[in-house]
Amino acid sequence: MPDDHTATSPVSLRLPADLVEAFDRLAATLERPRSWVIERALRQYIDEGEGAEIAEDSESVAELDRGESVPAEDVLREAREIIGKAEAKRP
């Protein structure tokens, strides 16, 4: 999560009043500044939430664009092999 020793840059944005109030309530409860709470929320979005999914999807598309993919036939053949082995083990 946030590292108090990293360089920071000021950012200005407009948020709905209810969202600011929610951040303020959390900040008061945690006895932290509002900016600390907002930074944690943004990091979670980027690292674990929708932002991470978008980044992963973007990388996947880039891999496809570079031709870094496996033919569907190969995937189906491997899946059939796995299923066949599993079925052979069944009593």
PDB file of N, CA and C in Angstrom:
ATOM      1  N   MET A   1       0.831  -1.183   0.000  1.00  0.00           N
ATOM      2  CA  MET A   1       0.000   0.000   0.000  1.00  0.00           C
ATOM      3  C   MET A   1       0.880   1.253   0.000  1.00  0.00           C
ATOM      4  N   PRO A   2       0.312   2.405   0.344  1.00  0.00           N
ATOM      5  CA  PRO A   2       1.072   3.647   0.217  1.00  0.00           C
ATOM      6  C   PRO A   2       2.415   3.589   0.941  1.00  0.00           C
ATOM      7  N   ASP A   3       3.411   4.139   0.304  1.00  0.00           N
ATOM      8  CA  ASP A   3       4.742   4.227   0.867  1.00  0.00           C
ATOM      9  C   ASP A   3       5.017   5.701   1.134  1.00  0.00           C
ATOM     10  N   ASP A   4       5.187   6.060   2.381  1.00  0.00           N
ATOM     11  CA  ASP A   4       5.366   7.466   2.750  1.00  0.00           C
ATOM     12  C   ASP A   4       6.669   8.045   2.220  1.00  0.00           C
ATOM     13  N   HIS A   5       7.547   7.224   1.639  1.00  0.00           N
ATOM     14  CA  HIS A   5       8.843   7.697   1.184  1.00  0.00           C
ATOM     15  C   HIS A   5       8.919   7.882  -0.326  1.00  0.00           C
ATOM     16  N   THR A   6       7.831   7.623  -1.050  1.00  0.00           N
ATOM     17  CA  THR A   6       7.862   7.782  -2.498  1.00  0.00           C
ATOM     18  C   THR A   6       7.543   9.222  -2.875  1.00  0.00           C
ATOM     19  N   ALA A   7       8.028   9.634  -4.039  1.00  0.00           N
ATOM     20  CA  ALA A   7       7.743  10.973  -4.526  1.00  0.00           C
ATOM     21  C   ALA A   7       6.261  11.102  -4.831  1.00  0.00           C
ATOM     22  N   THR A   8       5.721  12.249  -4.594  1.00  0.00           N
ATOM     23  CA  THR A   8       4.307  12.478  -4.862  1.00  0.00           C
ATOM     24  C   THR A   8       4.142  13.654  -5.809  1.00  0.00           C
ATOM     25  N   SER A   9       2.991  13.703  -6.456  1.00  0.00           N
ATOM     26  CA  SER A   9       2.638  14.812  -7.344  1.00  0.00           C
ATOM     27  C   SER A   9       1.255  15.293  -6.962  1.00  0.00           C
ATOM     28  N   PRO A  10       1.062  16.594  -6.898  1.00  0.00           N
ATOM     29  CA  PRO A  10      -0.276  17.097  -6.579  1.00  0.00           C
ATOM     30  C   PRO A  10      -1.240  16.851  -7.728  1.00  0.00           C
ATOM     31  N   VAL A  11      -2.469  16.500  -7.388  1.00  0.00           N
ATOM     32  CA  VAL A  11      -3.516  16.255  -8.373  1.00  0.00           C
ATOM     33  C   VAL A  11      -4.770  16.954  -7.883  1.00  0.00           C
ATOM     34  N   SER A  12      -5.461  17.573  -8.805  1.00  0.00           N
ATOM     35  CA  SER A  12      -6.712  18.238  -8.461  1.00  0.00           C
ATOM     36  C   SER A  12      -7.842  17.579  -9.240  1.00  0.00           C
ATOM     37  N   LEU A  13      -8.925  17.232  -8.547  1.00  0.00           N
ATOM     38  CA  LEU A  13     -10.063  16.642  -9.234  1.00  0.00           C
ATOM     39  C   LEU A  13     -11.349  17.023  -8.517  1.00  0.00           C
ATOM     40  N   ARG A  14     -12.432  16.930  -9.242  1.00  0.00           N
ATOM     41  CA  ARG A  14     -13.747  17.209  -8.675  1.00  0.00           C
ATOM     42  C   ARG A  14     -14.438  15.884  -8.403  1.00  0.00           C
ATOM     43  N   LEU A  15     -14.985  15.760  -7.197  1.00  0.00           N
ATOM     44  CA  LEU A  15     -15.702  14.555  -6.798  1.00  0.00           C
ATOM     45  C   LEU A  15     -17.068  14.945  -6.270  1.00  0.00           C
ATOM     46  N   PRO A  16     -18.036  14.054  -6.372  1.00  0.00           N
ATOM     47  CA  PRO A  16     -19.336  14.334  -5.770  1.00  0.00           C
ATOM     48  C   PRO A  16     -19.175  14.530  -4.258  1.00  0.00           C
ATOM     49  N   ALA A  17     -19.955  15.440  -3.709  1.00  0.00           N
ATOM     50  CA  ALA A  17     -19.850  15.776  -2.287  1.00  0.00           C
ATOM     51  C   ALA A  17     -20.018  14.550  -1.395  1.00  0.00           C
ATOM     52  N   ASP A  18     -20.931  13.639  -1.758  1.00  0.00           N
ATOM     53  CA  ASP A  18     -21.139  12.464  -0.910  1.00  0.00           C
ATOM     54  C   ASP A  18     -19.918  11.567  -0.873  1.00  0.00           C
ATOM     55  N   LEU A  19     -19.172  11.515  -1.960  1.00  0.00           N
ATOM     56  CA  LEU A  19     -17.959  10.711  -1.990  1.00  0.00           C
ATOM     57  C   LEU A  19     -16.877  11.344  -1.116  1.00  0.00           C
ATOM     58  N   VAL A  20     -16.749  12.649  -1.196  1.00  0.00           N
ATOM     59  CA  VAL A  20     -15.784  13.358  -0.347  1.00  0.00           C
ATOM     60  C   VAL A  20     -16.144  13.157   1.125  1.00  0.00           C
ATOM     61  N   GLU A  21     -17.431  13.238   1.439  1.00  0.00           N
ATOM     62  CA  GLU A  21     -17.867  13.031   2.818  1.00  0.00           C
ATOM     63  C   GLU A  21     -17.542  11.609   3.283  1.00  0.00           C
ATOM     64  N   ALA A  22     -17.715  10.632   2.404  1.00  0.00           N
ATOM     65  CA  ALA A  22     -17.389   9.246   2.763  1.00  0.00           C
ATOM     66  C   ALA A  22     -15.890   9.108   3.034  1.00  0.00           C
ATOM     67  N   PHE A  23     -15.064   9.717   2.199  1.00  0.00           N
ATOM     68  CA  PHE A  23     -13.624   9.694   2.439  1.00  0.00           C
ATOM     69  C   PHE A  23     -13.273  10.392   3.746  1.00  0.00           C
ATOM     70  N   ASP A  24     -13.942  11.497   4.019  1.00  0.00           N
ATOM     71  CA  ASP A  24     -13.678  12.222   5.262  1.00  0.00           C
ATOM     72  C   ASP A  24     -14.055  11.394   6.487  1.00  0.00           C
ATOM     73  N   ARG A  25     -15.175  10.676   6.408  1.00  0.00           N
ATOM     74  CA  ARG A  25     -15.580   9.823   7.539  1.00  0.00           C
ATOM     75  C   ARG A  25     -14.547   8.722   7.775  1.00  0.00           C
ATOM     76  N   LEU A  26     -14.108   8.089   6.688  1.00  0.00           N
ATOM     77  CA  LEU A  26     -13.083   7.051   6.826  1.00  0.00           C
ATOM     78  C   LEU A  26     -11.786   7.625   7.387  1.00  0.00           C
ATOM     79  N   ALA A  27     -11.398   8.778   6.891  1.00  0.00           N
ATOM     80  CA  ALA A  27     -10.166   9.416   7.358  1.00  0.00           C
ATOM     81  C   ALA A  27     -10.258   9.727   8.853  1.00  0.00           C
ATOM     82  N   ALA A  28     -11.398  10.228   9.287  1.00  0.00           N
ATOM     83  CA  ALA A  28     -11.573  10.533  10.705  1.00  0.00           C
ATOM     84  C   ALA A  28     -11.519   9.266  11.545  1.00  0.00           C
ATOM     85  N   THR A  29     -12.178   8.223  11.083  1.00  0.00           N
ATOM     86  CA  THR A  29     -12.179   6.951  11.811  1.00  0.00           C
ATOM     87  C   THR A  29     -10.772   6.390  11.927  1.00  0.00           C
ATOM     88  N   LEU A  30     -10.013   6.487  10.858  1.00  0.00           N
ATOM     89  CA  LEU A  30      -8.658   5.947  10.824  1.00  0.00           C
ATOM     90  C   LEU A  30      -7.614   6.914  11.371  1.00  0.00           C
ATOM     91  N   GLU A  31      -8.053   8.125  11.667  1.00  0.00           N
ATOM     92  CA  GLU A  31      -7.149   9.189  12.117  1.00  0.00           C
ATOM     93  C   GLU A  31      -6.011   9.388  11.118  1.00  0.00           C
ATOM     94  N   ARG A  32      -6.398   9.465   9.855  1.00  0.00           N
ATOM     95  CA  ARG A  32      -5.478   9.681   8.744  1.00  0.00           C
ATOM     96  C   ARG A  32      -5.999  10.829   7.895  1.00  0.00           C
ATOM     97  N   PRO A  33      -5.141  11.425   7.075  1.00  0.00           N
ATOM     98  CA  PRO A  33      -5.618  12.476   6.166  1.00  0.00           C
ATOM     99  C   PRO A  33      -6.501  11.891   5.053  1.00  0.00           C
ATOM    100  N   ARG A  34      -7.383  12.715   4.544  1.00  0.00           N
ATOM    101  CA  ARG A  34      -8.244  12.303   3.423  1.00  0.00           C
ATOM    102  C   ARG A  34      -7.408  11.797   2.263  1.00  0.00           C
ATOM    103  N   SER A  35      -6.301  12.470   1.958  1.00  0.00           N
ATOM    104  CA  SER A  35      -5.472  12.064   0.817  1.00  0.00           C
ATOM    105  C   SER A  35      -4.932  10.645   1.003  1.00  0.00           C
ATOM    106  N   TRP A  36      -4.646  10.243   2.233  1.00  0.00           N
ATOM    107  CA  TRP A  36      -4.155   8.895   2.506  1.00  0.00           C
ATOM    108  C   TRP A  36      -5.230   7.866   2.154  1.00  0.00           C
ATOM    109  N   VAL A  37      -6.469   8.154   2.551  1.00  0.00           N
ATOM    110  CA  VAL A  37      -7.580   7.240   2.273  1.00  0.00           C
ATOM    111  C   VAL A  37      -7.828   7.156   0.764  1.00  0.00           C
ATOM    112  N   ILE A  38      -7.823   8.286   0.095  1.00  0.00           N
ATOM    113  CA  ILE A  38      -8.046   8.300  -1.352  1.00  0.00           C
ATOM    114  C   ILE A  38      -6.922   7.550  -2.063  1.00  0.00           C
ATOM    115  N   GLU A  39      -5.688   7.739  -1.628  1.00  0.00           N
ATOM    116  CA  GLU A  39      -4.571   7.032  -2.249  1.00  0.00           C
ATOM    117  C   GLU A  39      -4.735   5.520  -2.105  1.00  0.00           C
ATOM    118  N   ARG A  40      -5.129   5.058  -0.927  1.00  0.00           N
ATOM    119  CA  ARG A  40      -5.340   3.617  -0.725  1.00  0.00           C
ATOM    120  C   ARG A  40      -6.440   3.101  -1.638  1.00  0.00           C
ATOM    121  N   ALA A  41      -7.518   3.869  -1.768  1.00  0.00           N
ATOM    122  CA  ALA A  41      -8.620   3.447  -2.639  1.00  0.00           C
ATOM    123  C   ALA A  41      -8.159   3.367  -4.095  1.00  0.00           C
ATOM    124  N   LEU A  42      -7.389   4.337  -4.524  1.00  0.00           N
ATOM    125  CA  LEU A  42      -6.892   4.331  -5.897  1.00  0.00           C
ATOM    126  C   LEU A  42      -5.904   3.194  -6.130  1.00  0.00           C
ATOM    127  N   ARG A  43      -5.039   2.945  -5.161  1.00  0.00           N
ATOM    128  CA  ARG A  43      -4.088   1.831  -5.305  1.00  0.00           C
ATOM    129  C   ARG A  43      -4.828   0.497  -5.393  1.00  0.00           C
ATOM    130  N   GLN A  44      -5.854   0.325  -4.581  1.00  0.00           N
ATOM    131  CA  GLN A  44      -6.618  -0.922  -4.629  1.00  0.00           C
ATOM    132  C   GLN A  44      -7.284  -1.072  -5.995  1.00  0.00           C
ATOM    133  N   TYR A  45      -7.833   0.008  -6.527  1.00  0.00           N
ATOM    134  CA  TYR A  45      -8.452  -0.018  -7.847  1.00  0.00           C
ATOM    135  C   TYR A  45      -7.429  -0.426  -8.907  1.00  0.00           C
ATOM    136  N   ILE A  46      -6.241   0.174  -8.851  1.00  0.00           N
ATOM    137  CA  ILE A  46      -5.204  -0.085  -9.851  1.00  0.00           C
ATOM    138  C   ILE A  46      -4.593  -1.475  -9.685  1.00  0.00           C
ATOM    139  N   ASP A  47      -4.331  -1.882  -8.442  1.00  0.00           N
ATOM    140  CA  ASP A  47      -3.605  -3.128  -8.191  1.00  0.00           C
ATOM    141  C   ASP A  47      -4.496  -4.367  -8.168  1.00  0.00           C
ATOM    142  N   GLU A  48      -5.741  -4.223  -7.714  1.00  0.00           N
ATOM    143  CA  GLU A  48      -6.580  -5.399  -7.487  1.00  0.00           C
ATOM    144  C   GLU A  48      -7.967  -5.318  -8.119  1.00  0.00           C
ATOM    145  N   GLY A  49      -8.411  -4.145  -8.466  1.00  0.00           N
ATOM    146  CA  GLY A  49      -9.780  -3.971  -8.933  1.00  0.00           C
ATOM    147  C   GLY A  49      -9.895  -3.859 -10.435  1.00  0.00           C
ATOM    148  N   GLU A  50     -10.847  -3.074 -10.844  1.00  0.00           N
ATOM    149  CA  GLU A  50     -11.144  -2.913 -12.269  1.00  0.00           C
ATOM    150  C   GLU A  50      -9.936  -2.421 -13.059  1.00  0.00           C
ATOM    151  N   GLY A  51      -9.144  -1.558 -12.458  1.00  0.00           N
ATOM    152  CA  GLY A  51      -7.953  -1.062 -13.141  1.00  0.00           C
ATOM    153  C   GLY A  51      -6.990  -2.179 -13.482  1.00  0.00           C
ATOM    154  N   ALA A  52      -6.824  -3.129 -12.570  1.00  0.00           N
ATOM    155  CA  ALA A  52      -5.953  -4.279 -12.816  1.00  0.00           C
ATOM    156  C   ALA A  52      -6.517  -5.135 -13.944  1.00  0.00           C
ATOM    157  N   GLU A  53      -7.826  -5.315 -13.967  1.00  0.00           N
ATOM    158  CA  GLU A  53      -8.457  -6.101 -15.032  1.00  0.00           C
ATOM    159  C   GLU A  53      -8.260  -5.437 -16.388  1.00  0.00           C
ATOM    160  N   ILE A  54      -8.400  -4.125 -16.434  1.00  0.00           N
ATOM    161  CA  ILE A  54      -8.224  -3.392 -17.691  1.00  0.00           C
ATOM    162  C   ILE A  54      -6.784  -3.523 -18.168  1.00  0.00           C
ATOM    163  N   ALA A  55      -5.823  -3.386 -17.257  1.00  0.00           N
ATOM    164  CA  ALA A  55      -4.414  -3.516 -17.630  1.00  0.00           C
ATOM    165  C   ALA A  55      -4.124  -4.922 -18.147  1.00  0.00           C
ATOM    166  N   GLU A  56      -4.680  -5.932 -17.490  1.00  0.00           N
ATOM    167  CA  GLU A  56      -4.467  -7.317 -17.918  1.00  0.00           C
ATOM    168  C   GLU A  56      -5.087  -7.554 -19.293  1.00  0.00           C
ATOM    169  N   ASP A  57      -6.300  -7.052 -19.502  1.00  0.00           N
ATOM    170  CA  ASP A  57      -6.951  -7.202 -20.805  1.00  0.00           C
ATOM    171  C   ASP A  57      -6.151  -6.499 -21.891  1.00  0.00           C
ATOM    172  N   SER A  58      -5.629  -5.323 -21.578  1.00  0.00           N
ATOM    173  CA  SER A  58      -4.839  -4.566 -22.542  1.00  0.00           C
ATOM    174  C   SER A  58      -3.579  -5.330 -22.929  1.00  0.00           C
ATOM    175  N   GLU A  59      -2.918  -5.937 -21.941  1.00  0.00           N
ATOM    176  CA  GLU A  59      -1.721  -6.736 -22.221  1.00  0.00           C
ATOM    177  C   GLU A  59      -2.076  -7.966 -23.051  1.00  0.00           C
ATOM    178  N   SER A  60      -3.219  -8.576 -22.761  1.00  0.00           N
ATOM    179  CA  SER A  60      -3.644  -9.744 -23.533  1.00  0.00           C
ATOM    180  C   SER A  60      -3.877  -9.386 -24.996  1.00  0.00           C
ATOM    181  N   VAL A  61      -4.504  -8.258 -25.240  1.00  0.00           N
ATOM    182  CA  VAL A  61      -4.732  -7.799 -26.615  1.00  0.00           C
ATOM    183  C   VAL A  61      -3.396  -7.512 -27.295  1.00  0.00           C
ATOM    184  N   ALA A  62      -2.468  -6.899 -26.567  1.00  0.00           N
ATOM    185  CA  ALA A  62      -1.144  -6.614 -27.136  1.00  0.00           C
ATOM    186  C   ALA A  62      -0.426  -7.915 -27.501  1.00  0.00           C
ATOM    187  N   GLU A  63      -0.541  -8.943 -26.657  1.00  0.00           N
ATOM    188  CA  GLU A  63       0.066 -10.240 -26.964  1.00  0.00           C
ATOM    189  C   GLU A  63      -0.528 -10.826 -28.243  1.00  0.00           C
ATOM    190  N   LEU A  64      -1.844 -10.720 -28.367  1.00  0.00           N
ATOM    191  CA  LEU A  64      -2.487 -11.214 -29.596  1.00  0.00           C
ATOM    192  C   LEU A  64      -2.007 -10.437 -30.811  1.00  0.00           C
ATOM    193  N   ASP A  65      -1.893  -9.117 -30.658  1.00  0.00           N
ATOM    194  CA  ASP A  65      -1.419  -8.281 -31.765  1.00  0.00           C
ATOM    195  C   ASP A  65       0.003  -8.654 -32.184  1.00  0.00           C
ATOM    196  N   ARG A  66       0.810  -9.103 -31.214  1.00  0.00           N
ATOM    197  CA  ARG A  66       2.191  -9.506 -31.517  1.00  0.00           C
ATOM    198  C   ARG A  66       2.266 -10.953 -31.999  1.00  0.00           C
ATOM    199  N   GLY A  67       1.124 -11.610 -32.075  1.00  0.00           N
ATOM    200  CA  GLY A  67       1.095 -12.997 -32.530  1.00  0.00           C
ATOM    201  C   GLY A  67       1.485 -13.996 -31.455  1.00  0.00           C
ATOM    202  N   GLU A  68       1.451 -13.573 -30.207  1.00  0.00           N
ATOM    203  CA  GLU A  68       1.828 -14.442 -29.092  1.00  0.00           C
ATOM    204  C   GLU A  68       0.589 -15.176 -28.574  1.00  0.00           C
ATOM    205  N   SER A  69       0.128 -16.116 -29.375  1.00  0.00           N
ATOM    206  CA  SER A  69      -1.058 -16.862 -28.968  1.00  0.00           C
ATOM    207  C   SER A  69      -0.880 -18.326 -29.348  1.00  0.00           C
ATOM    208  N   VAL A  70      -1.748 -19.151 -28.814  1.00  0.00           N
ATOM    209  CA  VAL A  70      -1.727 -20.586 -29.088  1.00  0.00           C
ATOM    210  C   VAL A  70      -2.945 -20.887 -29.951  1.00  0.00           C
ATOM    211  N   PRO A  71      -2.768 -21.635 -31.016  1.00  0.00           N
ATOM    212  CA  PRO A  71      -3.922 -21.981 -31.853  1.00  0.00           C
ATOM    213  C   PRO A  71      -5.001 -22.711 -31.039  1.00  0.00           C
ATOM    214  N   ALA A  72      -6.240 -22.437 -31.345  1.00  0.00           N
ATOM    215  CA  ALA A  72      -7.364 -23.046 -30.627  1.00  0.00           C
ATOM    216  C   ALA A  72      -7.311 -24.567 -30.721  1.00  0.00           C
ATOM    217  N   GLU A  73      -6.869 -25.079 -31.846  1.00  0.00           N
ATOM    218  CA  GLU A  73      -6.789 -26.525 -32.014  1.00  0.00           C
ATOM    219  C   GLU A  73      -5.843 -27.154 -30.980  1.00  0.00           C
ATOM    220  N   ASP A  74      -4.728 -26.462 -30.701  1.00  0.00           N
ATOM    221  CA  ASP A  74      -3.774 -26.967 -29.707  1.00  0.00           C
ATOM    222  C   ASP A  74      -4.395 -26.975 -28.306  1.00  0.00           C
ATOM    223  N   VAL A  75      -5.133 -25.937 -28.000  1.00  0.00           N
ATOM    224  CA  VAL A  75      -5.787 -25.847 -26.691  1.00  0.00           C
ATOM    225  C   VAL A  75      -6.821 -26.965 -26.560  1.00  0.00           C
ATOM    226  N   LEU A  76      -7.629 -27.166 -27.602  1.00  0.00           N
ATOM    227  CA  LEU A  76      -8.650 -28.224 -27.563  1.00  0.00           C
ATOM    228  C   LEU A  76      -8.018 -29.607 -27.455  1.00  0.00           C
ATOM    229  N   ARG A  77      -6.921 -29.836 -28.176  1.00  0.00           N
ATOM    230  CA  ARG A  77      -6.244 -31.128 -28.111  1.00  0.00           C
ATOM    231  C   ARG A  77      -5.731 -31.383 -26.685  1.00  0.00           C
ATOM    232  N   GLU A  78      -5.113 -30.389 -26.092  1.00  0.00           N
ATOM    233  CA  GLU A  78      -4.600 -30.544 -24.726  1.00  0.00           C
ATOM    234  C   GLU A  78      -5.739 -30.767 -23.739  1.00  0.00           C
ATOM    235  N   ALA A  79      -6.845 -30.047 -23.912  1.00  0.00           N
ATOM    236  CA  ALA A  79      -8.005 -30.229 -23.028  1.00  0.00           C
ATOM    237  C   ALA A  79      -8.558 -31.648 -23.158  1.00  0.00           C
ATOM    238  N   ARG A  80      -8.641 -32.145 -24.386  1.00  0.00           N
ATOM    239  CA  ARG A  80      -9.131 -33.514 -24.595  1.00  0.00           C
ATOM    240  C   ARG A  80      -8.205 -34.536 -23.931  1.00  0.00           C
ATOM    241  N   GLU A  81      -6.897 -34.304 -24.015  1.00  0.00           N
ATOM    242  CA  GLU A  81      -5.936 -35.204 -23.372  1.00  0.00           C
ATOM    243  C   GLU A  81      -6.132 -35.210 -21.852  1.00  0.00           C
ATOM    244  N   ILE A  82      -6.294 -34.041 -21.275  1.00  0.00           N
ATOM    245  CA  ILE A  82      -6.501 -33.934 -19.824  1.00  0.00           C
ATOM    246  C   ILE A  82      -7.779 -34.653 -19.421  1.00  0.00           C
ATOM    247  N   ILE A  83      -8.842 -34.431 -20.193  1.00  0.00           N
ATOM    248  CA  ILE A  83     -10.124 -35.086 -19.895  1.00  0.00           C
ATOM    249  C   ILE A  83      -9.987 -36.591 -20.055  1.00  0.00           C
ATOM    250  N   GLY A  84      -9.298 -37.030 -21.111  1.00  0.00           N
ATOM    251  CA  GLY A  84      -9.115 -38.460 -21.333  1.00  0.00           C
ATOM    252  C   GLY A  84      -8.363 -39.122 -20.186  1.00  0.00           C
ATOM    253  N   LYS A  85      -7.308 -38.498 -19.715  1.00  0.00           N
ATOM    254  CA  LYS A  85      -6.551 -39.033 -18.585  1.00  0.00           C
ATOM    255  C   LYS A  85      -7.401 -39.091 -17.327  1.00  0.00           C
ATOM    256  N   ALA A  86      -8.192 -38.062 -17.097  1.00  0.00           N
ATOM    257  CA  ALA A  86      -9.044 -38.032 -15.909  1.00  0.00           C
ATOM    258  C   ALA A  86     -10.111 -39.125 -16.002  1.00  0.00           C
ATOM    259  N   GLU A  87     -10.688 -39.301 -17.169  1.00  0.00           N
ATOM    260  CA  GLU A  87     -11.700 -40.341 -17.339  1.00  0.00           C
ATOM    261  C   GLU A  87     -11.100 -41.737 -17.181  1.00  0.00           C
ATOM    262  N   ALA A  88      -9.860 -41.912 -17.626  1.00  0.00           N
ATOM    263  CA  ALA A  88      -9.206 -43.225 -17.510  1.00  0.00           C
ATOM    264  C   ALA A  88      -8.953 -43.576 -16.046  1.00  0.00           C
ATOM    265  N   LYS A  89      -8.795 -42.598 -15.195  1.00  0.00           N
ATOM    266  CA  LYS A  89      -8.537 -42.838 -13.768  1.00  0.00           C
ATOM    267  C   LYS A  89      -9.816 -43.147 -13.001  1.00  0.00           C
ATOM    268  N   ARG A  90     -10.961 -42.821 -13.590  1.00  0.00           N
ATOM    269  CA  ARG A  90     -12.227 -43.052 -12.870  1.00  0.00           C
ATOM    270  C   ARG A  90     -12.512 -44.540 -12.767  1.00  0.00           C
ATOM    271  N   PRO A  91     -13.099 -44.949 -11.622  1.00  0.00           N
ATOM    272  CA  PRO A  91     -13.419 -46.382 -11.455  1.00  0.00           C
ATOM    273  C   PRO A  91     -14.537 -46.841 -12.367  1.00  0.00           C
TER     274      PRO A  91
END
